[in-house]
Amino acid sequence: MTDNPFDTVPDSGIPGIMVALFVLFGVFFLSVVVVMIVTASRRYRVAKESGLDPFAGDIQMMGRVANSQALAPERSVQDRLAEVDALRAAGTISEGEHSAARARILGGI
């Protein structure tokens, strides 16, 4: 018998290097599983804290974005000024609010 421990495992006939590779693969596999569990639990906790369903949060976010103004086409300055003027004419907003809104709209040009 040789003195090299990587030749074969005694009484099994399996080369020692194969045993070392199996052990290395097992450690790697367990590490990946632990990382996946930690990541999933963190995502679950963050989703719960944000008020989302942890199992359908992506769908909820898509619905929120689709119903928000984020994807709405930009209205022209003329349309926005006309809306502010109509609100003032209807008495919905005061003269000060009308002036402030016009200033914001015109300041964004």
PDB file of N, CA and C in Angstrom:
ATOM      1  N   MET A   1       0.839  -1.181   0.000  1.00  0.00           N
ATOM      2  CA  MET A   1       0.000   0.000   0.000  1.00  0.00           C
ATOM      3  C   MET A   1       0.880   1.239   0.000  1.00  0.00           C
ATOM      4  N   THR A   2       0.427   2.288  -0.683  1.00  0.00           N
ATOM      5  CA  THR A   2       1.212   3.517  -0.771  1.00  0.00           C
ATOM      6  C   THR A   2       0.871   4.433   0.389  1.00  0.00           C
ATOM      7  N   ASP A   3       1.724   5.451   0.592  1.00  0.00           N
ATOM      8  CA  ASP A   3       1.517   6.394   1.686  1.00  0.00           C
ATOM      9  C   ASP A   3       0.679   7.601   1.266  1.00  0.00           C
ATOM     10  N   ASN A   4       0.269   7.693   0.019  1.00  0.00           N
ATOM     11  CA  ASN A   4      -0.508   8.831  -0.466  1.00  0.00           C
ATOM     12  C   ASN A   4      -1.980   8.647  -0.051  1.00  0.00           C
ATOM     13  N   PRO A   5      -2.538   9.571   0.751  1.00  0.00           N
ATOM     14  CA  PRO A   5      -3.921   9.410   1.225  1.00  0.00           C
ATOM     15  C   PRO A   5      -4.963   9.607   0.124  1.00  0.00           C
ATOM     16  N   PHE A   6      -4.565  10.160  -1.022  1.00  0.00           N
ATOM     17  CA  PHE A   6      -5.524  10.396  -2.094  1.00  0.00           C
ATOM     18  C   PHE A   6      -5.586   9.246  -3.094  1.00  0.00           C
ATOM     19  N   ASP A   7      -4.855   8.204  -2.849  1.00  0.00           N
ATOM     20  CA  ASP A   7      -4.888   7.065  -3.771  1.00  0.00           C
ATOM     21  C   ASP A   7      -6.247   6.362  -3.698  1.00  0.00           C
ATOM     22  N   THR A   8      -6.582   5.793  -2.574  1.00  0.00           N
ATOM     23  CA  THR A   8      -7.887   5.135  -2.392  1.00  0.00           C
ATOM     24  C   THR A   8      -8.267   5.226  -0.927  1.00  0.00           C
ATOM     25  N   VAL A   9      -9.560   5.144  -0.686  1.00  0.00           N
ATOM     26  CA  VAL A   9     -10.051   5.081   0.684  1.00  0.00           C
ATOM     27  C   VAL A   9      -9.980   3.617   1.099  1.00  0.00           C
ATOM     28  N   PRO A  10      -9.406   3.332   2.241  1.00  0.00           N
ATOM     29  CA  PRO A  10      -9.256   1.928   2.664  1.00  0.00           C
ATOM     30  C   PRO A  10     -10.581   1.183   2.677  1.00  0.00           C
ATOM     31  N   ASP A  11     -10.583  -0.015   2.191  1.00  0.00           N
ATOM     32  CA  ASP A  11     -11.719  -0.939   2.189  1.00  0.00           C
ATOM     33  C   ASP A  11     -12.906  -0.470   1.350  1.00  0.00           C
ATOM     34  N   SER A  12     -12.738   0.518   0.448  1.00  0.00           N
ATOM     35  CA  SER A  12     -13.879   0.933  -0.370  1.00  0.00           C
ATOM     36  C   SER A  12     -13.569   0.898  -1.856  1.00  0.00           C
ATOM     37  N   GLY A  13     -12.339   1.060  -2.227  1.00  0.00           N
ATOM     38  CA  GLY A  13     -11.963   1.064  -3.630  1.00  0.00           C
ATOM     39  C   GLY A  13     -12.243   2.383  -4.316  1.00  0.00           C
ATOM     40  N   ILE A  14     -12.734   3.411  -3.590  1.00  0.00           N
ATOM     41  CA  ILE A  14     -13.017   4.727  -4.174  1.00  0.00           C
ATOM     42  C   ILE A  14     -11.764   5.586  -4.026  1.00  0.00           C
ATOM     43  N   PRO A  15     -11.330   6.213  -5.121  1.00  0.00           N
ATOM     44  CA  PRO A  15     -10.154   7.083  -5.021  1.00  0.00           C
ATOM     45  C   PRO A  15     -10.395   8.212  -4.011  1.00  0.00           C
ATOM     46  N   GLY A  16      -9.374   8.543  -3.260  1.00  0.00           N
ATOM     47  CA  GLY A  16      -9.469   9.577  -2.228  1.00  0.00           C
ATOM     48  C   GLY A  16      -9.854  10.936  -2.779  1.00  0.00           C
ATOM     49  N   ILE A  17      -9.409  11.245  -4.002  1.00  0.00           N
ATOM     50  CA  ILE A  17      -9.735  12.546  -4.589  1.00  0.00           C
ATOM     51  C   ILE A  17     -11.237  12.655  -4.849  1.00  0.00           C
ATOM     52  N   MET A  18     -11.883  11.529  -5.167  1.00  0.00           N
ATOM     53  CA  MET A  18     -13.331  11.538  -5.391  1.00  0.00           C
ATOM     54  C   MET A  18     -14.072  11.840  -4.090  1.00  0.00           C
ATOM     55  N   VAL A  19     -13.604  11.271  -3.002  1.00  0.00           N
ATOM     56  CA  VAL A  19     -14.220  11.531  -1.704  1.00  0.00           C
ATOM     57  C   VAL A  19     -14.077  13.010  -1.361  1.00  0.00           C
ATOM     58  N   ALA A  20     -12.886  13.567  -1.609  1.00  0.00           N
ATOM     59  CA  ALA A  20     -12.660  14.991  -1.338  1.00  0.00           C
ATOM     60  C   ALA A  20     -13.575  15.854  -2.193  1.00  0.00           C
ATOM     61  N   LEU A  21     -13.771  15.491  -3.461  1.00  0.00           N
ATOM     62  CA  LEU A  21     -14.666  16.268  -4.331  1.00  0.00           C
ATOM     63  C   LEU A  21     -16.118  16.167  -3.874  1.00  0.00           C
ATOM     64  N   PHE A  22     -16.539  14.987  -3.436  1.00  0.00           N
ATOM     65  CA  PHE A  22     -17.907  14.834  -2.916  1.00  0.00           C
ATOM     66  C   PHE A  22     -18.120  15.697  -1.679  1.00  0.00           C
ATOM     67  N   VAL A  23     -17.148  15.709  -0.788  1.00  0.00           N
ATOM     68  CA  VAL A  23     -17.250  16.534   0.423  1.00  0.00           C
ATOM     69  C   VAL A  23     -17.289  18.005   0.041  1.00  0.00           C
ATOM     70  N   LEU A  24     -16.432  18.426  -0.888  1.00  0.00           N
ATOM     71  CA  LEU A  24     -16.413  19.816  -1.335  1.00  0.00           C
ATOM     72  C   LEU A  24     -17.748  20.205  -1.969  1.00  0.00           C
ATOM     73  N   PHE A  25     -18.305  19.318  -2.797  1.00  0.00           N
ATOM     74  CA  PHE A  25     -19.597  19.592  -3.404  1.00  0.00           C
ATOM     75  C   PHE A  25     -20.690  19.692  -2.339  1.00  0.00           C
ATOM     76  N   GLY A  26     -20.651  18.823  -1.343  1.00  0.00           N
ATOM     77  CA  GLY A  26     -21.643  18.861  -0.267  1.00  0.00           C
ATOM     78  C   GLY A  26     -21.596  20.167   0.503  1.00  0.00           C
ATOM     79  N   VAL A  27     -20.392  20.632   0.806  1.00  0.00           N
ATOM     80  CA  VAL A  27     -20.239  21.910   1.516  1.00  0.00           C
ATOM     81  C   VAL A  27     -20.753  23.056   0.649  1.00  0.00           C
ATOM     82  N   PHE A  28     -20.417  23.043  -0.633  1.00  0.00           N
ATOM     83  CA  PHE A  28     -20.891  24.084  -1.548  1.00  0.00           C
ATOM     84  C   PHE A  28     -22.416  24.063  -1.642  1.00  0.00           C
ATOM     85  N   PHE A  29     -23.003  22.887  -1.796  1.00  0.00           N
ATOM     86  CA  PHE A  29     -24.454  22.753  -1.915  1.00  0.00           C
ATOM     87  C   PHE A  29     -25.154  23.276  -0.666  1.00  0.00           C
ATOM     88  N   LEU A  30     -24.669  22.899   0.508  1.00  0.00           N
ATOM     89  CA  LEU A  30     -25.268  23.383   1.749  1.00  0.00           C
ATOM     90  C   LEU A  30     -25.128  24.890   1.888  1.00  0.00           C
ATOM     91  N   SER A  31     -24.004  25.448   1.450  1.00  0.00           N
ATOM     92  CA  SER A  31     -23.822  26.898   1.493  1.00  0.00           C
ATOM     93  C   SER A  31     -24.844  27.606   0.610  1.00  0.00           C
ATOM     94  N   VAL A  32     -25.081  27.073  -0.570  1.00  0.00           N
ATOM     95  CA  VAL A  32     -26.069  27.668  -1.479  1.00  0.00           C
ATOM     96  C   VAL A  32     -27.462  27.599  -0.869  1.00  0.00           C
ATOM     97  N   VAL A  33     -27.816  26.489  -0.263  1.00  0.00           N
ATOM     98  CA  VAL A  33     -29.131  26.339   0.370  1.00  0.00           C
ATOM     99  C   VAL A  33     -29.286  27.343   1.512  1.00  0.00           C
ATOM    100  N   VAL A  34     -28.262  27.518   2.327  1.00  0.00           N
ATOM    101  CA  VAL A  34     -28.327  28.481   3.435  1.00  0.00           C
ATOM    102  C   VAL A  34     -28.507  29.894   2.898  1.00  0.00           C
ATOM    103  N   VAL A  35     -27.770  30.262   1.864  1.00  0.00           N
ATOM    104  CA  VAL A  35     -27.902  31.603   1.275  1.00  0.00           C
ATOM    105  C   VAL A  35     -29.311  31.804   0.716  1.00  0.00           C
ATOM    106  N   MET A  36     -29.867  30.793   0.082  1.00  0.00           N
ATOM    107  CA  MET A  36     -31.219  30.903  -0.466  1.00  0.00           C
ATOM    108  C   MET A  36     -32.253  31.084   0.650  1.00  0.00           C
ATOM    109  N   ILE A  37     -32.099  30.369   1.746  1.00  0.00           N
ATOM    110  CA  ILE A  37     -33.038  30.493   2.864  1.00  0.00           C
ATOM    111  C   ILE A  37     -32.935  31.868   3.506  1.00  0.00           C
ATOM    112  N   VAL A  38     -31.719  32.351   3.721  1.00  0.00           N
ATOM    113  CA  VAL A  38     -31.527  33.679   4.316  1.00  0.00           C
ATOM    114  C   VAL A  38     -32.113  34.754   3.402  1.00  0.00           C
ATOM    115  N   THR A  39     -31.873  34.657   2.099  1.00  0.00           N
ATOM    116  CA  THR A  39     -32.399  35.638   1.154  1.00  0.00           C
ATOM    117  C   THR A  39     -33.916  35.606   1.128  1.00  0.00           C
ATOM    118  N   ALA A  40     -34.505  34.430   1.091  1.00  0.00           N
ATOM    119  CA  ALA A  40     -35.970  34.316   1.055  1.00  0.00           C
ATOM    120  C   ALA A  40     -36.598  34.869   2.323  1.00  0.00           C
ATOM    121  N   SER A  41     -36.003  34.601   3.474  1.00  0.00           N
ATOM    122  CA  SER A  41     -36.578  35.114   4.719  1.00  0.00           C
ATOM    123  C   SER A  41     -36.446  36.632   4.800  1.00  0.00           C
ATOM    124  N   ARG A  42     -35.352  37.179   4.304  1.00  0.00           N
ATOM    125  CA  ARG A  42     -35.198  38.639   4.300  1.00  0.00           C
ATOM    126  C   ARG A  42     -36.200  39.288   3.358  1.00  0.00           C
ATOM    127  N   ARG A  43     -36.380  38.721   2.165  1.00  0.00           N
ATOM    128  CA  ARG A  43     -37.358  39.271   1.219  1.00  0.00           C
ATOM    129  C   ARG A  43     -38.770  39.197   1.799  1.00  0.00           C
ATOM    130  N   TYR A  44     -39.087  38.116   2.506  1.00  0.00           N
ATOM    131  CA  TYR A  44     -40.393  37.962   3.138  1.00  0.00           C
ATOM    132  C   TYR A  44     -40.603  39.064   4.173  1.00  0.00           C
ATOM    133  N   ARG A  45     -39.605  39.282   5.032  1.00  0.00           N
ATOM    134  CA  ARG A  45     -39.720  40.293   6.088  1.00  0.00           C
ATOM    135  C   ARG A  45     -39.863  41.697   5.506  1.00  0.00           C
ATOM    136  N   VAL A  46     -39.058  42.025   4.489  1.00  0.00           N
ATOM    137  CA  VAL A  46     -39.123  43.358   3.879  1.00  0.00           C
ATOM    138  C   VAL A  46     -40.475  43.572   3.200  1.00  0.00           C
ATOM    139  N   ALA A  47     -40.993  42.547   2.536  1.00  0.00           N
ATOM    140  CA  ALA A  47     -42.301  42.663   1.885  1.00  0.00           C
ATOM    141  C   ALA A  47     -43.394  42.901   2.921  1.00  0.00           C
ATOM    142  N   LYS A  48     -43.356  42.176   4.034  1.00  0.00           N
ATOM    143  CA  LYS A  48     -44.357  42.358   5.088  1.00  0.00           C
ATOM    144  C   LYS A  48     -44.274  43.764   5.672  1.00  0.00           C
ATOM    145  N   GLU A  49     -43.063  44.260   5.909  1.00  0.00           N
ATOM    146  CA  GLU A  49     -42.886  45.603   6.464  1.00  0.00           C
ATOM    147  C   GLU A  49     -43.368  46.675   5.496  1.00  0.00           C
ATOM    148  N   SER A  50     -43.319  46.394   4.198  1.00  0.00           N
ATOM    149  CA  SER A  50     -43.753  47.354   3.184  1.00  0.00           C
ATOM    150  C   SER A  50     -45.246  47.261   2.904  1.00  0.00           C
ATOM    151  N   GLY A  51     -45.933  46.352   3.567  1.00  0.00           N
ATOM    152  CA  GLY A  51     -47.362  46.213   3.365  1.00  0.00           C
ATOM    153  C   GLY A  51     -47.726  45.404   2.131  1.00  0.00           C
ATOM    154  N   LEU A  52     -46.797  44.613   1.625  1.00  0.00           N
ATOM    155  CA  LEU A  52     -47.061  43.785   0.452  1.00  0.00           C
ATOM    156  C   LEU A  52     -47.270  42.338   0.871  1.00  0.00           C
ATOM    157  N   ASP A  53     -48.018  41.616   0.061  1.00  0.00           N
ATOM    158  CA  ASP A  53     -48.144  40.179   0.259  1.00  0.00           C
ATOM    159  C   ASP A  53     -46.822  39.559  -0.185  1.00  0.00           C
ATOM    160  N   PRO A  54     -46.103  38.871   0.701  1.00  0.00           N
ATOM    161  CA  PRO A  54     -44.791  38.340   0.341  1.00  0.00           C
ATOM    162  C   PRO A  54     -44.804  37.376  -0.840  1.00  0.00           C
ATOM    163  N   PHE A  55     -45.939  36.748  -1.098  1.00  0.00           N
ATOM    164  CA  PHE A  55     -45.992  35.767  -2.172  1.00  0.00           C
ATOM    165  C   PHE A  55     -46.546  36.346  -3.470  1.00  0.00           C
ATOM    166  N   ALA A  56     -47.079  37.560  -3.432  1.00  0.00           N
ATOM    167  CA  ALA A  56     -47.622  38.183  -4.641  1.00  0.00           C
ATOM    168  C   ALA A  56     -47.215  39.651  -4.733  1.00  0.00           C
ATOM    169  N   GLY A  57     -46.130  40.017  -4.064  1.00  0.00           N
ATOM    170  CA  GLY A  57     -45.684  41.405  -4.037  1.00  0.00           C
ATOM    171  C   GLY A  57     -45.335  41.949  -5.405  1.00  0.00           C
ATOM    172  N   ASP A  58     -44.746  41.122  -6.254  1.00  0.00           N
ATOM    173  CA  ASP A  58     -44.387  41.602  -7.585  1.00  0.00           C
ATOM    174  C   ASP A  58     -45.631  41.951  -8.393  1.00  0.00           C
ATOM    175  N   ILE A  59     -46.692  41.159  -8.266  1.00  0.00           N
ATOM    176  CA  ILE A  59     -47.933  41.440  -8.971  1.00  0.00           C
ATOM    177  C   ILE A  59     -48.594  42.693  -8.395  1.00  0.00           C
ATOM    178  N   GLN A  60     -48.556  42.846  -7.079  1.00  0.00           N
ATOM    179  CA  GLN A  60     -49.120  44.050  -6.463  1.00  0.00           C
ATOM    180  C   GLN A  60     -48.394  45.296  -6.954  1.00  0.00           C
ATOM    181  N   MET A  61     -47.071  45.230  -7.024  1.00  0.00           N
ATOM    182  CA  MET A  61     -46.302  46.392  -7.480  1.00  0.00           C
ATOM    183  C   MET A  61     -46.604  46.710  -8.942  1.00  0.00           C
ATOM    184  N   MET A  62     -46.737  45.673  -9.778  1.00  0.00           N
ATOM    185  CA  MET A  62     -47.079  45.922 -11.182  1.00  0.00           C
ATOM    186  C   MET A  62     -48.434  46.605 -11.288  1.00  0.00           C
ATOM    187  N   GLY A  63     -49.394  46.178 -10.470  1.00  0.00           N
ATOM    188  CA  GLY A  63     -50.713  46.807 -10.476  1.00  0.00           C
ATOM    189  C   GLY A  63     -50.654  48.243 -10.015  1.00  0.00           C
ATOM    190  N   ARG A  64     -49.865  48.519  -8.987  1.00  0.00           N
ATOM    191  CA  ARG A  64     -49.734  49.898  -8.496  1.00  0.00           C
ATOM    192  C   ARG A  64     -49.104  50.804  -9.550  1.00  0.00           C
ATOM    193  N   VAL A  65     -48.081  50.305 -10.205  1.00  0.00           N
ATOM    194  CA  VAL A  65     -47.417  51.115 -11.229  1.00  0.00           C
ATOM    195  C   VAL A  65     -48.344  51.338 -12.414  1.00  0.00           C
ATOM    196  N   ALA A  66     -49.079  50.305 -12.817  1.00  0.00           N
ATOM    197  CA  ALA A  66     -49.985  50.430 -13.964  1.00  0.00           C
ATOM    198  C   ALA A  66     -51.101  51.433 -13.687  1.00  0.00           C
ATOM    199  N   ASN A  67     -51.534  51.539 -12.423  1.00  0.00           N
ATOM    200  CA  ASN A  67     -52.612  52.459 -12.077  1.00  0.00           C
ATOM    201  C   ASN A  67     -52.118  53.830 -11.633  1.00  0.00           C
ATOM    202  N   SER A  68     -50.820  54.036 -11.592  1.00  0.00           N
ATOM    203  CA  SER A  68     -50.285  55.319 -11.140  1.00  0.00           C
ATOM    204  C   SER A  68     -50.063  56.259 -12.319  1.00  0.00           C
ATOM    205  N   GLN A  69     -49.629  57.435 -11.995  1.00  0.00           N
ATOM    206  CA  GLN A  69     -49.327  58.425 -13.025  1.00  0.00           C
ATOM    207  C   GLN A  69     -47.929  58.245 -13.597  1.00  0.00           C
ATOM    208  N   ALA A  70     -47.190  57.279 -13.094  1.00  0.00           N
ATOM    209  CA  ALA A  70     -45.820  57.060 -13.558  1.00  0.00           C
ATOM    210  C   ALA A  70     -45.757  56.709 -15.033  1.00  0.00           C
ATOM    211  N   LEU A  71     -46.774  56.006 -15.536  1.00  0.00           N
ATOM    212  CA  LEU A  71     -46.771  55.598 -16.934  1.00  0.00           C
ATOM    213  C   LEU A  71     -47.701  56.450 -17.796  1.00  0.00           C
ATOM    214  N   ALA A  72     -48.358  57.423 -17.177  1.00  0.00           N
ATOM    215  CA  ALA A  72     -49.279  58.273 -17.929  1.00  0.00           C
ATOM    216  C   ALA A  72     -48.484  59.207 -18.850  1.00  0.00           C
ATOM    217  N   PRO A  73     -49.022  59.492 -20.022  1.00  0.00           N
ATOM    218  CA  PRO A  73     -48.308  60.410 -20.906  1.00  0.00           C
ATOM    219  C   PRO A  73     -48.279  61.815 -20.299  1.00  0.00           C
ATOM    220  N   GLU A  74     -47.204  62.500 -20.547  1.00  0.00           N
ATOM    221  CA  GLU A  74     -47.033  63.868 -20.038  1.00  0.00           C
ATOM    222  C   GLU A  74     -48.017  64.796 -20.748  1.00  0.00           C
ATOM    223  N   ARG A  75     -48.733  65.573 -19.944  1.00  0.00           N
ATOM    224  CA  ARG A  75     -49.668  66.537 -20.531  1.00  0.00           C
ATOM    225  C   ARG A  75     -48.910  67.802 -20.897  1.00  0.00           C
ATOM    226  N   SER A  76     -49.412  68.482 -21.884  1.00  0.00           N
ATOM    227  CA  SER A  76     -48.744  69.707 -22.331  1.00  0.00           C
ATOM    228  C   SER A  76     -48.948  70.820 -21.303  1.00  0.00           C
ATOM    229  N   VAL A  77     -48.093  71.827 -21.368  1.00  0.00           N
ATOM    230  CA  VAL A  77     -48.194  72.980 -20.473  1.00  0.00           C
ATOM    231  C   VAL A  77     -49.533  73.671 -20.681  1.00  0.00           C
ATOM    232  N   GLN A  78     -49.972  73.777 -21.919  1.00  0.00           N
ATOM    233  CA  GLN A  78     -51.245  74.437 -22.209  1.00  0.00           C
ATOM    234  C   GLN A  78     -52.401  73.700 -21.537  1.00  0.00           C
ATOM    235  N   ASP A  79     -52.397  72.368 -21.593  1.00  0.00           N
ATOM    236  CA  ASP A  79     -53.457  71.587 -20.957  1.00  0.00           C
ATOM    237  C   ASP A  79     -53.461  71.779 -19.445  1.00  0.00           C
ATOM    238  N   ARG A  80     -52.274  71.767 -18.850  1.00  0.00           N
ATOM    239  CA  ARG A  80     -52.184  71.938 -17.406  1.00  0.00           C
ATOM    240  C   ARG A  80     -52.616  73.335 -16.975  1.00  0.00           C
ATOM    241  N   LEU A  81     -52.231  74.367 -17.732  1.00  0.00           N
ATOM    242  CA  LEU A  81     -52.655  75.729 -17.409  1.00  0.00           C
ATOM    243  C   LEU A  81     -54.160  75.875 -17.582  1.00  0.00           C
ATOM    244  N   ALA A  82     -54.719  75.256 -18.606  1.00  0.00           N
ATOM    245  CA  ALA A  82     -56.161  75.322 -18.829  1.00  0.00           C
ATOM    246  C   ALA A  82     -56.909  74.652 -17.674  1.00  0.00           C
ATOM    247  N   GLU A  83     -56.376  73.558 -17.175  1.00  0.00           N
ATOM    248  CA  GLU A  83     -57.017  72.883 -16.052  1.00  0.00           C
ATOM    249  C   GLU A  83     -56.997  73.757 -14.801  1.00  0.00           C
ATOM    250  N   VAL A  84     -55.849  74.399 -14.531  1.00  0.00           N
ATOM    251  CA  VAL A  84     -55.746  75.283 -13.368  1.00  0.00           C
ATOM    252  C   VAL A  84     -56.705  76.467 -13.523  1.00  0.00           C
ATOM    253  N   ASP A  85     -56.800  77.030 -14.732  1.00  0.00           N
ATOM    254  CA  ASP A  85     -57.721  78.139 -14.977  1.00  0.00           C
ATOM    255  C   ASP A  85     -59.170  77.703 -14.780  1.00  0.00           C
ATOM    256  N   ALA A  86     -59.503  76.483 -15.210  1.00  0.00           N
ATOM    257  CA  ALA A  86     -60.864  75.973 -15.048  1.00  0.00           C
ATOM    258  C   ALA A  86     -61.184  75.753 -13.569  1.00  0.00           C
ATOM    259  N   LEU A  87     -60.212  75.273 -12.806  1.00  0.00           N
ATOM    260  CA  LEU A  87     -60.430  75.094 -11.370  1.00  0.00           C
ATOM    261  C   LEU A  87     -60.666  76.427 -10.671  1.00  0.00           C
ATOM    262  N   ARG A  88     -59.941  77.448 -11.094  1.00  0.00           N
ATOM    263  CA  ARG A  88     -60.119  78.795 -10.511  1.00  0.00           C
ATOM    264  C   ARG A  88     -61.483  79.359 -10.902  1.00  0.00           C
ATOM    265  N   ALA A  89     -61.876  79.183 -12.152  1.00  0.00           N
ATOM    266  CA  ALA A  89     -63.170  79.693 -12.622  1.00  0.00           C
ATOM    267  C   ALA A  89     -64.325  78.987 -11.909  1.00  0.00           C
ATOM    268  N   ALA A  90     -64.153  77.723 -11.571  1.00  0.00           N
ATOM    269  CA  ALA A  90     -65.200  76.969 -10.884  1.00  0.00           C
ATOM    270  C   ALA A  90     -65.216  77.253  -9.388  1.00  0.00           C
ATOM    271  N   GLY A  91     -64.219  77.966  -8.886  1.00  0.00           N
ATOM    272  CA  GLY A  91     -64.148  78.286  -7.467  1.00  0.00           C
ATOM    273  C   GLY A  91     -63.569  77.169  -6.628  1.00  0.00           C
ATOM    274  N   THR A  92     -62.989  76.178  -7.259  1.00  0.00           N
ATOM    275  CA  THR A  92     -62.409  75.046  -6.537  1.00  0.00           C
ATOM    276  C   THR A  92     -61.132  75.442  -5.808  1.00  0.00           C
ATOM    277  N   ILE A  93     -60.353  76.319  -6.416  1.00  0.00           N
ATOM    278  CA  ILE A  93     -59.116  76.798  -5.789  1.00  0.00           C
ATOM    279  C   ILE A  93     -59.174  78.312  -5.678  1.00  0.00           C
ATOM    280  N   SER A  94     -58.413  78.841  -4.737  1.00  0.00           N
ATOM    281  CA  SER A  94     -58.389  80.294  -4.522  1.00  0.00           C
ATOM    282  C   SER A  94     -57.441  80.966  -5.518  1.00  0.00           C
ATOM    283  N   GLU A  95     -57.440  82.283  -5.491  1.00  0.00           N
ATOM    284  CA  GLU A  95     -56.552  83.041  -6.387  1.00  0.00           C
ATOM    285  C   GLU A  95     -55.077  82.771  -6.062  1.00  0.00           C
ATOM    286  N   GLY A  96     -54.763  82.658  -4.766  1.00  0.00           N
ATOM    287  CA  GLY A  96     -53.384  82.360  -4.362  1.00  0.00           C
ATOM    288  C   GLY A  96     -52.944  80.976  -4.819  1.00  0.00           C
ATOM    289  N   GLU A  97     -53.828  79.991  -4.678  1.00  0.00           N
ATOM    290  CA  GLU A  97     -53.504  78.647  -5.141  1.00  0.00           C
ATOM    291  C   GLU A  97     -53.360  78.615  -6.659  1.00  0.00           C
ATOM    292  N   HIS A  98     -54.204  79.389  -7.334  1.00  0.00           N
ATOM    293  CA  HIS A  98     -54.142  79.482  -8.797  1.00  0.00           C
ATOM    294  C   HIS A  98     -52.794  80.050  -9.232  1.00  0.00           C
ATOM    295  N   SER A  99     -52.370  81.113  -8.562  1.00  0.00           N
ATOM    296  CA  SER A  99     -51.083  81.743  -8.918  1.00  0.00           C
ATOM    297  C   SER A  99     -49.922  80.800  -8.627  1.00  0.00           C
ATOM    298  N   ALA A 100     -49.988  80.110  -7.495  1.00  0.00           N
ATOM    299  CA  ALA A 100     -48.909  79.176  -7.129  1.00  0.00           C
ATOM    300  C   ALA A 100     -48.844  78.011  -8.111  1.00  0.00           C
ATOM    301  N   ALA A 101     -50.009  77.511  -8.509  1.00  0.00           N
ATOM    302  CA  ALA A 101     -50.035  76.388  -9.451  1.00  0.00           C
ATOM    303  C   ALA A 101     -49.502  76.811 -10.809  1.00  0.00           C
ATOM    304  N   ARG A 102     -49.874  77.991 -11.276  1.00  0.00           N
ATOM    305  CA  ARG A 102     -49.371  78.495 -12.558  1.00  0.00           C
ATOM    306  C   ARG A 102     -47.854  78.672 -12.492  1.00  0.00           C
ATOM    307  N   ALA A 103     -47.367  79.178 -11.360  1.00  0.00           N
ATOM    308  CA  ALA A 103     -45.919  79.377 -11.204  1.00  0.00           C
ATOM    309  C   ALA A 103     -45.189  78.034 -11.245  1.00  0.00           C
ATOM    310  N   ARG A 104     -45.748  77.006 -10.591  1.00  0.00           N
ATOM    311  CA  ARG A 104     -45.123  75.671 -10.620  1.00  0.00           C
ATOM    312  C   ARG A 104     -45.092  75.110 -12.031  1.00  0.00           C
ATOM    313  N   ILE A 105     -46.210  75.250 -12.734  1.00  0.00           N
ATOM    314  CA  ILE A 105     -46.290  74.729 -14.102  1.00  0.00           C
ATOM    315  C   ILE A 105     -45.306  75.442 -15.008  1.00  0.00           C
ATOM    316  N   LEU A 106     -45.302  76.759 -14.926  1.00  0.00           N
ATOM    317  CA  LEU A 106     -44.394  77.534 -15.792  1.00  0.00           C
ATOM    318  C   LEU A 106     -42.943  77.392 -15.374  1.00  0.00           C
ATOM    319  N   GLY A 107     -42.691  77.128 -14.093  1.00  0.00           N
ATOM    320  CA  GLY A 107     -41.325  76.924 -13.617  1.00  0.00           C
ATOM    321  C   GLY A 107     -40.739  75.598 -14.060  1.00  0.00           C
ATOM    322  N   GLY A 108     -41.603  74.665 -14.448  1.00  0.00           N
ATOM    323  CA  GLY A 108     -41.128  73.349 -14.860  1.00  0.00           C
ATOM    324  C   GLY A 108     -40.819  73.265 -16.339  1.00  0.00           C
ATOM    325  N   ILE A 109     -40.926  74.362 -17.034  1.00  0.00           N
ATOM    326  CA  ILE A 109     -40.676  74.347 -18.498  1.00  0.00           C
ATOM    327  C   ILE A 109     -39.194  74.245 -18.766  1.00  0.00           C
TER     328      ILE A 109
END
